[in-house]
Amino acid sequence: WPSRCRAGASLWRARQARTWPEGAEVRISTRCRGSVVVIKVTNTVPAGQGERGHGLALLNVRDRLALLHDVHGHFRCGFKDGIYQVRLELPL
């Protein structure tokens, strides 16, 4: 990760493509469904699933969502068809 972003994202992408030609493809989508916002982040895993970490970041997101939105917020994550997916549902 570059130490400063003032050079611009396009320069960083060029360096990334040159350094890691087999990088993952990341997609972020948002939708509004009635009174709920759905945020979905997916990424391919071209090198295969790596070693499982401690999952602290995912637990932190899940806990914060529960504290802020109680039963009205939903969080799911995991592999589906070789793609890692995270889905958040938040009330407006």
PDB file of N, CA and C in Angstrom:
ATOM      1  N   TRP A   1       0.853  -1.177   0.000  1.00  0.00           N
ATOM      2  CA  TRP A   1       0.000   0.000   0.000  1.00  0.00           C
ATOM      3  C   TRP A   1       0.886   1.223   0.000  1.00  0.00           C
ATOM      4  N   PRO A   2       0.592   2.172  -0.839  1.00  0.00           N
ATOM      5  CA  PRO A   2       1.436   3.359  -0.878  1.00  0.00           C
ATOM      6  C   PRO A   2       1.341   4.143   0.426  1.00  0.00           C
ATOM      7  N   SER A   3       2.457   4.767   0.804  1.00  0.00           N
ATOM      8  CA  SER A   3       2.460   5.508   2.054  1.00  0.00           C
ATOM      9  C   SER A   3       1.621   6.774   1.969  1.00  0.00           C
ATOM     10  N   ARG A   4       1.490   7.357   0.782  1.00  0.00           N
ATOM     11  CA  ARG A   4       0.665   8.560   0.587  1.00  0.00           C
ATOM     12  C   ARG A   4      -0.209   8.374  -0.630  1.00  0.00           C
ATOM     13  N   CYS A   5      -1.402   8.905  -0.573  1.00  0.00           N
ATOM     14  CA  CYS A   5      -2.342   8.760  -1.689  1.00  0.00           C
ATOM     15  C   CYS A   5      -2.341   9.959  -2.622  1.00  0.00           C
ATOM     16  N   ARG A   6      -1.502  10.957  -2.385  1.00  0.00           N
ATOM     17  CA  ARG A   6      -1.571  12.158  -3.210  1.00  0.00           C
ATOM     18  C   ARG A   6      -1.126  11.907  -4.646  1.00  0.00           C
ATOM     19  N   ALA A   7      -0.413  10.823  -4.902  1.00  0.00           N
ATOM     20  CA  ALA A   7       0.001  10.505  -6.273  1.00  0.00           C
ATOM     21  C   ALA A   7      -1.192  10.055  -7.110  1.00  0.00           C
ATOM     22  N   GLY A   8      -2.278   9.694  -6.451  1.00  0.00           N
ATOM     23  CA  GLY A   8      -3.495   9.306  -7.163  1.00  0.00           C
ATOM     24  C   GLY A   8      -3.654   7.799  -7.220  1.00  0.00           C
ATOM     25  N   ALA A   9      -4.915   7.392  -7.250  1.00  0.00           N
ATOM     26  CA  ALA A   9      -5.228   5.968  -7.276  1.00  0.00           C
ATOM     27  C   ALA A   9      -4.771   5.304  -8.559  1.00  0.00           C
ATOM     28  N   SER A  10      -4.787   6.041  -9.686  1.00  0.00           N
ATOM     29  CA  SER A  10      -4.410   5.425 -10.960  1.00  0.00           C
ATOM     30  C   SER A  10      -2.942   5.001 -10.955  1.00  0.00           C
ATOM     31  N   LEU A  11      -2.082   5.789 -10.341  1.00  0.00           N
ATOM     32  CA  LEU A  11      -0.672   5.415 -10.235  1.00  0.00           C
ATOM     33  C   LEU A  11      -0.528   4.164  -9.385  1.00  0.00           C
ATOM     34  N   TRP A  12      -1.267   4.111  -8.272  1.00  0.00           N
ATOM     35  CA  TRP A  12      -1.198   2.932  -7.413  1.00  0.00           C
ATOM     36  C   TRP A  12      -1.691   1.699  -8.157  1.00  0.00           C
ATOM     37  N   ARG A  13      -2.780   1.831  -8.928  1.00  0.00           N
ATOM     38  CA  ARG A  13      -3.291   0.693  -9.693  1.00  0.00           C
ATOM     39  C   ARG A  13      -2.256   0.212 -10.697  1.00  0.00           C
ATOM     40  N   ALA A  14      -1.562   1.125 -11.334  1.00  0.00           N
ATOM     41  CA  ALA A  14      -0.535   0.739 -12.306  1.00  0.00           C
ATOM     42  C   ALA A  14       0.577  -0.035 -11.608  1.00  0.00           C
ATOM     43  N   ARG A  15       0.987   0.427 -10.453  1.00  0.00           N
ATOM     44  CA  ARG A  15       2.023  -0.289  -9.711  1.00  0.00           C
ATOM     45  C   ARG A  15       1.516  -1.650  -9.257  1.00  0.00           C
ATOM     46  N   GLN A  16       0.267  -1.697  -8.805  1.00  0.00           N
ATOM     47  CA  GLN A  16      -0.298  -2.954  -8.349  1.00  0.00           C
ATOM     48  C   GLN A  16      -0.346  -3.962  -9.490  1.00  0.00           C
ATOM     49  N   ALA A  17      -0.801  -3.531 -10.663  1.00  0.00           N
ATOM     50  CA  ALA A  17      -0.915  -4.437 -11.798  1.00  0.00           C
ATOM     51  C   ALA A  17       0.452  -4.983 -12.191  1.00  0.00           C
ATOM     52  N   ARG A  18       1.471  -4.149 -12.099  1.00  0.00           N
ATOM     53  CA  ARG A  18       2.814  -4.588 -12.458  1.00  0.00           C
ATOM     54  C   ARG A  18       3.391  -5.530 -11.401  1.00  0.00           C
ATOM     55  N   THR A  19       3.093  -5.260 -10.135  1.00  0.00           N
ATOM     56  CA  THR A  19       3.664  -6.063  -9.055  1.00  0.00           C
ATOM     57  C   THR A  19       2.908  -7.373  -8.849  1.00  0.00           C
ATOM     58  N   TRP A  20       1.568  -7.319  -8.924  1.00  0.00           N
ATOM     59  CA  TRP A  20       0.743  -8.495  -8.687  1.00  0.00           C
ATOM     60  C   TRP A  20      -0.179  -8.733  -9.879  1.00  0.00           C
ATOM     61  N   PRO A  21       0.336  -9.306 -10.962  1.00  0.00           N
ATOM     62  CA  PRO A  21      -0.492  -9.458 -12.163  1.00  0.00           C
ATOM     63  C   PRO A  21      -1.663 -10.409 -11.966  1.00  0.00           C
ATOM     64  N   GLU A  22      -1.615 -11.261 -10.959  1.00  0.00           N
ATOM     65  CA  GLU A  22      -2.699 -12.220 -10.728  1.00  0.00           C
ATOM     66  C   GLU A  22      -3.578 -11.781  -9.563  1.00  0.00           C
ATOM     67  N   GLY A  23      -3.827 -10.482  -9.428  1.00  0.00           N
ATOM     68  CA  GLY A  23      -4.609  -9.944  -8.318  1.00  0.00           C
ATOM     69  C   GLY A  23      -6.072 -10.333  -8.383  1.00  0.00           C
ATOM     70  N   ALA A  24      -6.752 -10.125  -7.282  1.00  0.00           N
ATOM     71  CA  ALA A  24      -8.170 -10.436  -7.178  1.00  0.00           C
ATOM     72  C   ALA A  24      -9.010  -9.309  -7.771  1.00  0.00           C
ATOM     73  N   GLU A  25     -10.206  -9.647  -8.159  1.00  0.00           N
ATOM     74  CA  GLU A  25     -11.162  -8.658  -8.636  1.00  0.00           C
ATOM     75  C   GLU A  25     -12.143  -8.378  -7.500  1.00  0.00           C
ATOM     76  N   VAL A  26     -12.270  -7.117  -7.124  1.00  0.00           N
ATOM     77  CA  VAL A  26     -13.144  -6.718  -6.020  1.00  0.00           C
ATOM     78  C   VAL A  26     -14.322  -5.941  -6.592  1.00  0.00           C
ATOM     79  N   ARG A  27     -15.514  -6.257  -6.126  1.00  0.00           N
ATOM     80  CA  ARG A  27     -16.715  -5.538  -6.549  1.00  0.00           C
ATOM     81  C   ARG A  27     -17.471  -5.076  -5.304  1.00  0.00           C
ATOM     82  N   ILE A  28     -17.969  -3.855  -5.361  1.00  0.00           N
ATOM     83  CA  ILE A  28     -18.765  -3.294  -4.278  1.00  0.00           C
ATOM     84  C   ILE A  28     -20.075  -2.812  -4.884  1.00  0.00           C
ATOM     85  N   SER A  29     -21.184  -3.242  -4.297  1.00  0.00           N
ATOM     86  CA  SER A  29     -22.477  -2.786  -4.792  1.00  0.00           C
ATOM     87  C   SER A  29     -23.329  -2.327  -3.613  1.00  0.00           C
ATOM     88  N   THR A  30     -24.188  -1.349  -3.890  1.00  0.00           N
ATOM     89  CA  THR A  30     -25.134  -0.861  -2.888  1.00  0.00           C
ATOM     90  C   THR A  30     -26.517  -0.803  -3.520  1.00  0.00           C
ATOM     91  N   ARG A  31     -27.505  -1.111  -2.711  1.00  0.00           N
ATOM     92  CA  ARG A  31     -28.892  -1.052  -3.171  1.00  0.00           C
ATOM     93  C   ARG A  31     -29.759  -0.580  -2.017  1.00  0.00           C
ATOM     94  N   CYS A  32     -30.800   0.105  -2.370  1.00  0.00           N
ATOM     95  CA  CYS A  32     -31.779   0.519  -1.379  1.00  0.00           C
ATOM     96  C   CYS A  32     -33.035  -0.305  -1.624  1.00  0.00           C
ATOM     97  N   ARG A  33     -33.441  -1.049  -0.613  1.00  0.00           N
ATOM     98  CA  ARG A  33     -34.653  -1.867  -0.712  1.00  0.00           C
ATOM     99  C   ARG A  33     -35.612  -1.423   0.380  1.00  0.00           C
ATOM    100  N   GLY A  34     -36.514  -0.558  -0.006  1.00  0.00           N
ATOM    101  CA  GLY A  34     -37.448  -0.008   0.976  1.00  0.00           C
ATOM    102  C   GLY A  34     -36.697   0.829   1.991  1.00  0.00           C
ATOM    103  N   SER A  35     -36.763   0.427   3.247  1.00  0.00           N
ATOM    104  CA  SER A  35     -36.098   1.171   4.317  1.00  0.00           C
ATOM    105  C   SER A  35     -34.764   0.538   4.715  1.00  0.00           C
ATOM    106  N   VAL A  36     -34.201  -0.291   3.830  1.00  0.00           N
ATOM    107  CA  VAL A  36     -32.955  -1.008   4.125  1.00  0.00           C
ATOM    108  C   VAL A  36     -31.928  -0.744   3.019  1.00  0.00           C
ATOM    109  N   VAL A  37     -30.691  -0.502   3.418  1.00  0.00           N
ATOM    110  CA  VAL A  37     -29.582  -0.382   2.479  1.00  0.00           C
ATOM    111  C   VAL A  37     -28.822  -1.708   2.493  1.00  0.00           C
ATOM    112  N   VAL A  38     -28.567  -2.261   1.314  1.00  0.00           N
ATOM    113  CA  VAL A  38     -27.818  -3.508   1.192  1.00  0.00           C
ATOM    114  C   VAL A  38     -26.460  -3.176   0.575  1.00  0.00           C
ATOM    115  N   ILE A  39     -25.398  -3.528   1.281  1.00  0.00           N
ATOM    116  CA  ILE A  39     -24.027  -3.320   0.793  1.00  0.00           C
ATOM    117  C   ILE A  39     -23.406  -4.693   0.609  1.00  0.00           C
ATOM    118  N   LYS A  40     -22.892  -4.952  -0.578  1.00  0.00           N
ATOM    119  CA  LYS A  40     -22.298  -6.254  -0.880  1.00  0.00           C
ATOM    120  C   LYS A  40     -20.888  -6.043  -1.419  1.00  0.00           C
ATOM    121  N   VAL A  41     -19.926  -6.726  -0.832  1.00  0.00           N
ATOM    122  CA  VAL A  41     -18.535  -6.688  -1.280  1.00  0.00           C
ATOM    123  C   VAL A  41     -18.135  -8.116  -1.632  1.00  0.00           C
ATOM    124  N   THR A  42     -17.645  -8.307  -2.858  1.00  0.00           N
ATOM    125  CA  THR A  42     -17.198  -9.631  -3.278  1.00  0.00           C
ATOM    126  C   THR A  42     -15.791  -9.533  -3.829  1.00  0.00           C
ATOM    127  N   ASN A  43     -15.032 -10.606  -3.676  1.00  0.00           N
ATOM    128  CA  ASN A  43     -13.727 -10.656  -4.333  1.00  0.00           C
ATOM    129  C   ASN A  43     -13.394 -12.089  -4.721  1.00  0.00           C
ATOM    130  N   THR A  44     -12.748 -12.171  -5.892  1.00  0.00           N
ATOM    131  CA  THR A  44     -12.277 -13.467  -6.362  1.00  0.00           C
ATOM    132  C   THR A  44     -11.058 -13.850  -5.535  1.00  0.00           C
ATOM    133  N   VAL A  45     -10.720 -15.120  -5.582  1.00  0.00           N
ATOM    134  CA  VAL A  45      -9.563 -15.623  -4.832  1.00  0.00           C
ATOM    135  C   VAL A  45      -8.717 -16.441  -5.804  1.00  0.00           C
ATOM    136  N   PRO A  46      -7.962 -15.749  -6.694  1.00  0.00           N
ATOM    137  CA  PRO A  46      -7.229 -16.458  -7.744  1.00  0.00           C
ATOM    138  C   PRO A  46      -6.157 -17.407  -7.223  1.00  0.00           C
ATOM    139  N   ALA A  47      -5.573 -17.119  -6.070  1.00  0.00           N
ATOM    140  CA  ALA A  47      -4.534 -17.991  -5.524  1.00  0.00           C
ATOM    141  C   ALA A  47      -5.120 -19.082  -4.630  1.00  0.00           C
ATOM    142  N   GLY A  48      -6.435 -19.155  -4.546  1.00  0.00           N
ATOM    143  CA  GLY A  48      -7.074 -20.126  -3.665  1.00  0.00           C
ATOM    144  C   GLY A  48      -7.220 -19.567  -2.261  1.00  0.00           C
ATOM    145  N   GLN A  49      -8.056 -20.205  -1.503  1.00  0.00           N
ATOM    146  CA  GLN A  49      -8.306 -19.752  -0.135  1.00  0.00           C
ATOM    147  C   GLN A  49      -7.040 -19.918   0.697  1.00  0.00           C
ATOM    148  N   GLY A  50      -6.618 -18.845   1.335  1.00  0.00           N
ATOM    149  CA  GLY A  50      -5.411 -18.882   2.162  1.00  0.00           C
ATOM    150  C   GLY A  50      -5.681 -19.456   3.537  1.00  0.00           C
ATOM    151  N   GLU A  51      -4.690 -19.342   4.398  1.00  0.00           N
ATOM    152  CA  GLU A  51      -4.860 -19.810   5.762  1.00  0.00           C
ATOM    153  C   GLU A  51      -5.904 -18.967   6.465  1.00  0.00           C
ATOM    154  N   ARG A  52      -6.685 -19.619   7.271  1.00  0.00           N
ATOM    155  CA  ARG A  52      -7.732 -18.918   8.014  1.00  0.00           C
ATOM    156  C   ARG A  52      -7.089 -18.076   9.106  1.00  0.00           C
ATOM    157  N   GLY A  53      -7.520 -16.828   9.207  1.00  0.00           N
ATOM    158  CA  GLY A  53      -7.022 -15.943  10.248  1.00  0.00           C
ATOM    159  C   GLY A  53      -7.863 -16.081  11.505  1.00  0.00           C
ATOM    160  N   HIS A  54      -7.734 -15.112  12.378  1.00  0.00           N
ATOM    161  CA  HIS A  54      -8.492 -15.129  13.623  1.00  0.00           C
ATOM    162  C   HIS A  54      -9.910 -14.601  13.439  1.00  0.00           C
ATOM    163  N   GLY A  55     -10.154 -13.894  12.352  1.00  0.00           N
ATOM    164  CA  GLY A  55     -11.489 -13.373  12.082  1.00  0.00           C
ATOM    165  C   GLY A  55     -11.881 -12.191  12.954  1.00  0.00           C
ATOM    166  N   LEU A  56     -10.908 -11.524  13.566  1.00  0.00           N
ATOM    167  CA  LEU A  56     -11.223 -10.429  14.483  1.00  0.00           C
ATOM    168  C   LEU A  56     -11.906  -9.261  13.782  1.00  0.00           C
ATOM    169  N   ALA A  57     -11.470  -8.927  12.583  1.00  0.00           N
ATOM    170  CA  ALA A  57     -12.087  -7.810  11.861  1.00  0.00           C
ATOM    171  C   ALA A  57     -13.553  -8.114  11.550  1.00  0.00           C
ATOM    172  N   LEU A  58     -13.841  -9.334  11.115  1.00  0.00           N
ATOM    173  CA  LEU A  58     -15.222  -9.697  10.813  1.00  0.00           C
ATOM    174  C   LEU A  58     -16.079  -9.706  12.076  1.00  0.00           C
ATOM    175  N   LEU A  59     -15.520 -10.203  13.171  1.00  0.00           N
ATOM    176  CA  LEU A  59     -16.247 -10.188  14.445  1.00  0.00           C
ATOM    177  C   LEU A  59     -16.504  -8.757  14.904  1.00  0.00           C
ATOM    178  N   ASN A  60     -15.529  -7.883  14.701  1.00  0.00           N
ATOM    179  CA  ASN A  60     -15.679  -6.486  15.077  1.00  0.00           C
ATOM    180  C   ASN A  60     -16.818  -5.826  14.290  1.00  0.00           C
ATOM    181  N   VAL A  61     -16.879  -6.075  12.981  1.00  0.00           N
ATOM    182  CA  VAL A  61     -17.956  -5.519  12.161  1.00  0.00           C
ATOM    183  C   VAL A  61     -19.300  -6.057  12.631  1.00  0.00           C
ATOM    184  N   ARG A  62     -19.382  -7.337  12.878  1.00  0.00           N
ATOM    185  CA  ARG A  62     -20.635  -7.961  13.329  1.00  0.00           C
ATOM    186  C   ARG A  62     -21.083  -7.378  14.675  1.00  0.00           C
ATOM    187  N   ASP A  63     -20.134  -7.218  15.614  1.00  0.00           N
ATOM    188  CA  ASP A  63     -20.461  -6.669  16.934  1.00  0.00           C
ATOM    189  C   ASP A  63     -20.924  -5.219  16.844  1.00  0.00           C
ATOM    190  N   ARG A  64     -20.230  -4.414  16.051  1.00  0.00           N
ATOM    191  CA  ARG A  64     -20.612  -3.003  15.910  1.00  0.00           C
ATOM    192  C   ARG A  64     -21.987  -2.870  15.270  1.00  0.00           C
ATOM    193  N   LEU A  65     -22.253  -3.707  14.286  1.00  0.00           N
ATOM    194  CA  LEU A  65     -23.557  -3.689  13.627  1.00  0.00           C
ATOM    195  C   LEU A  65     -24.657  -4.019  14.633  1.00  0.00           C
ATOM    196  N   ALA A  66     -24.409  -5.012  15.476  1.00  0.00           N
ATOM    197  CA  ALA A  66     -25.393  -5.395  16.490  1.00  0.00           C
ATOM    198  C   ALA A  66     -25.602  -4.268  17.509  1.00  0.00           C
ATOM    199  N   LEU A  67     -24.523  -3.592  17.898  1.00  0.00           N
ATOM    200  CA  LEU A  67     -24.646  -2.488  18.855  1.00  0.00           C
ATOM    201  C   LEU A  67     -25.400  -1.300  18.274  1.00  0.00           C
ATOM    202  N   LEU A  68     -25.143  -0.995  17.011  1.00  0.00           N
ATOM    203  CA  LEU A  68     -25.765   0.172  16.389  1.00  0.00           C
ATOM    204  C   LEU A  68     -27.196  -0.067  15.916  1.00  0.00           C
ATOM    205  N   HIS A  69     -27.481  -1.288  15.454  1.00  0.00           N
ATOM    206  CA  HIS A  69     -28.772  -1.533  14.819  1.00  0.00           C
ATOM    207  C   HIS A  69     -29.541  -2.704  15.397  1.00  0.00           C
ATOM    208  N   ASP A  70     -29.034  -3.322  16.454  1.00  0.00           N
ATOM    209  CA  ASP A  70     -29.714  -4.419  17.149  1.00  0.00           C
ATOM    210  C   ASP A  70     -30.177  -5.478  16.142  1.00  0.00           C
ATOM    211  N   VAL A  71     -31.429  -5.834  16.156  1.00  0.00           N
ATOM    212  CA  VAL A  71     -31.914  -6.912  15.282  1.00  0.00           C
ATOM    213  C   VAL A  71     -32.243  -6.433  13.870  1.00  0.00           C
ATOM    214  N   HIS A  72     -32.135  -5.124  13.617  1.00  0.00           N
ATOM    215  CA  HIS A  72     -32.490  -4.595  12.298  1.00  0.00           C
ATOM    216  C   HIS A  72     -31.333  -4.635  11.303  1.00  0.00           C
ATOM    217  N   GLY A  73     -30.115  -4.883  11.772  1.00  0.00           N
ATOM    218  CA  GLY A  73     -28.960  -4.990  10.891  1.00  0.00           C
ATOM    219  C   GLY A  73     -28.582  -6.446  10.702  1.00  0.00           C
ATOM    220  N   HIS A  74     -28.104  -6.782   9.526  1.00  0.00           N
ATOM    221  CA  HIS A  74     -27.709  -8.164   9.225  1.00  0.00           C
ATOM    222  C   HIS A  74     -26.328  -8.177   8.583  1.00  0.00           C
ATOM    223  N   PHE A  75     -25.557  -9.210   8.908  1.00  0.00           N
ATOM    224  CA  PHE A  75     -24.189  -9.357   8.400  1.00  0.00           C
ATOM    225  C   PHE A  75     -23.965 -10.818   8.052  1.00  0.00           C
ATOM    226  N   ARG A  76     -23.525 -11.059   6.827  1.00  0.00           N
ATOM    227  CA  ARG A  76     -23.179 -12.424   6.406  1.00  0.00           C
ATOM    228  C   ARG A  76     -21.876 -12.375   5.625  1.00  0.00           C
ATOM    229  N   CYS A  77     -21.077 -13.410   5.770  1.00  0.00           N
ATOM    230  CA  CYS A  77     -19.849 -13.490   4.989  1.00  0.00           C
ATOM    231  C   CYS A  77     -19.477 -14.951   4.788  1.00  0.00           C
ATOM    232  N   GLY A  78     -18.728 -15.208   3.714  1.00  0.00           N
ATOM    233  CA  GLY A  78     -18.262 -16.553   3.440  1.00  0.00           C
ATOM    234  C   GLY A  78     -18.032 -16.774   1.956  1.00  0.00           C
ATOM    235  N   PHE A  79     -17.601 -17.979   1.631  1.00  0.00           N
ATOM    236  CA  PHE A  79     -17.336 -18.337   0.237  1.00  0.00           C
ATOM    237  C   PHE A  79     -18.599 -18.893  -0.401  1.00  0.00           C
ATOM    238  N   LYS A  80     -18.832 -18.464  -1.639  1.00  0.00           N
ATOM    239  CA  LYS A  80     -19.936 -18.995  -2.430  1.00  0.00           C
ATOM    240  C   LYS A  80     -19.453 -19.081  -3.868  1.00  0.00           C
ATOM    241  N   ASP A  81     -19.425 -20.265  -4.417  1.00  0.00           N
ATOM    242  CA  ASP A  81     -18.985 -20.490  -5.800  1.00  0.00           C
ATOM    243  C   ASP A  81     -17.580 -19.952  -6.052  1.00  0.00           C
ATOM    244  N   GLY A  82     -16.670 -20.106  -5.072  1.00  0.00           N
ATOM    245  CA  GLY A  82     -15.280 -19.687  -5.230  1.00  0.00           C
ATOM    246  C   GLY A  82     -15.039 -18.197  -5.081  1.00  0.00           C
ATOM    247  N   ILE A  83     -16.049 -17.459  -4.647  1.00  0.00           N
ATOM    248  CA  ILE A  83     -15.937 -16.008  -4.458  1.00  0.00           C
ATOM    249  C   ILE A  83     -16.258 -15.702  -2.999  1.00  0.00           C
ATOM    250  N   TYR A  84     -15.404 -14.871  -2.374  1.00  0.00           N
ATOM    251  CA  TYR A  84     -15.661 -14.477  -0.996  1.00  0.00           C
ATOM    252  C   TYR A  84     -16.643 -13.311  -1.007  1.00  0.00           C
ATOM    253  N   GLN A  85     -17.697 -13.412  -0.197  1.00  0.00           N
ATOM    254  CA  GLN A  85     -18.747 -12.412  -0.198  1.00  0.00           C
ATOM    255  C   GLN A  85     -19.023 -11.909   1.209  1.00  0.00           C
ATOM    256  N   VAL A  86     -19.250 -10.607   1.310  1.00  0.00           N
ATOM    257  CA  VAL A  86     -19.697  -9.980   2.551  1.00  0.00           C
ATOM    258  C   VAL A  86     -20.945  -9.192   2.209  1.00  0.00           C
ATOM    259  N   ARG A  87     -21.978  -9.357   3.019  1.00  0.00           N
ATOM    260  CA  ARG A  87     -23.247  -8.655   2.784  1.00  0.00           C
ATOM    261  C   ARG A  87     -23.712  -8.007   4.075  1.00  0.00           C
ATOM    262  N   LEU A  88     -23.956  -6.700   4.007  1.00  0.00           N
ATOM    263  CA  LEU A  88     -24.473  -5.927   5.141  1.00  0.00           C
ATOM    264  C   LEU A  88     -25.850  -5.399   4.778  1.00  0.00           C
ATOM    265  N   GLU A  89     -26.775  -5.494   5.714  1.00  0.00           N
ATOM    266  CA  GLU A  89     -28.092  -4.885   5.539  1.00  0.00           C
ATOM    267  C   GLU A  89     -28.300  -3.936   6.711  1.00  0.00           C
ATOM    268  N   LEU A  90     -28.526  -2.658   6.395  1.00  0.00           N
ATOM    269  CA  LEU A  90     -28.640  -1.614   7.411  1.00  0.00           C
ATOM    270  C   LEU A  90     -29.931  -0.841   7.241  1.00  0.00           C
ATOM    271  N   PRO A  91     -30.619  -0.544   8.345  1.00  0.00           N
ATOM    272  CA  PRO A  91     -31.816   0.288   8.227  1.00  0.00           C
ATOM    273  C   PRO A  91     -31.445   1.733   7.921  1.00  0.00           C
ATOM    274  N   LEU A  92     -32.295   2.412   7.181  1.00  0.00           N
ATOM    275  CA  LEU A  92     -32.057   3.836   6.889  1.00  0.00           C
ATOM    276  C   LEU A  92     -32.388   4.692   8.089  1.00  0.00           C
TER     277      LEU A  92
END
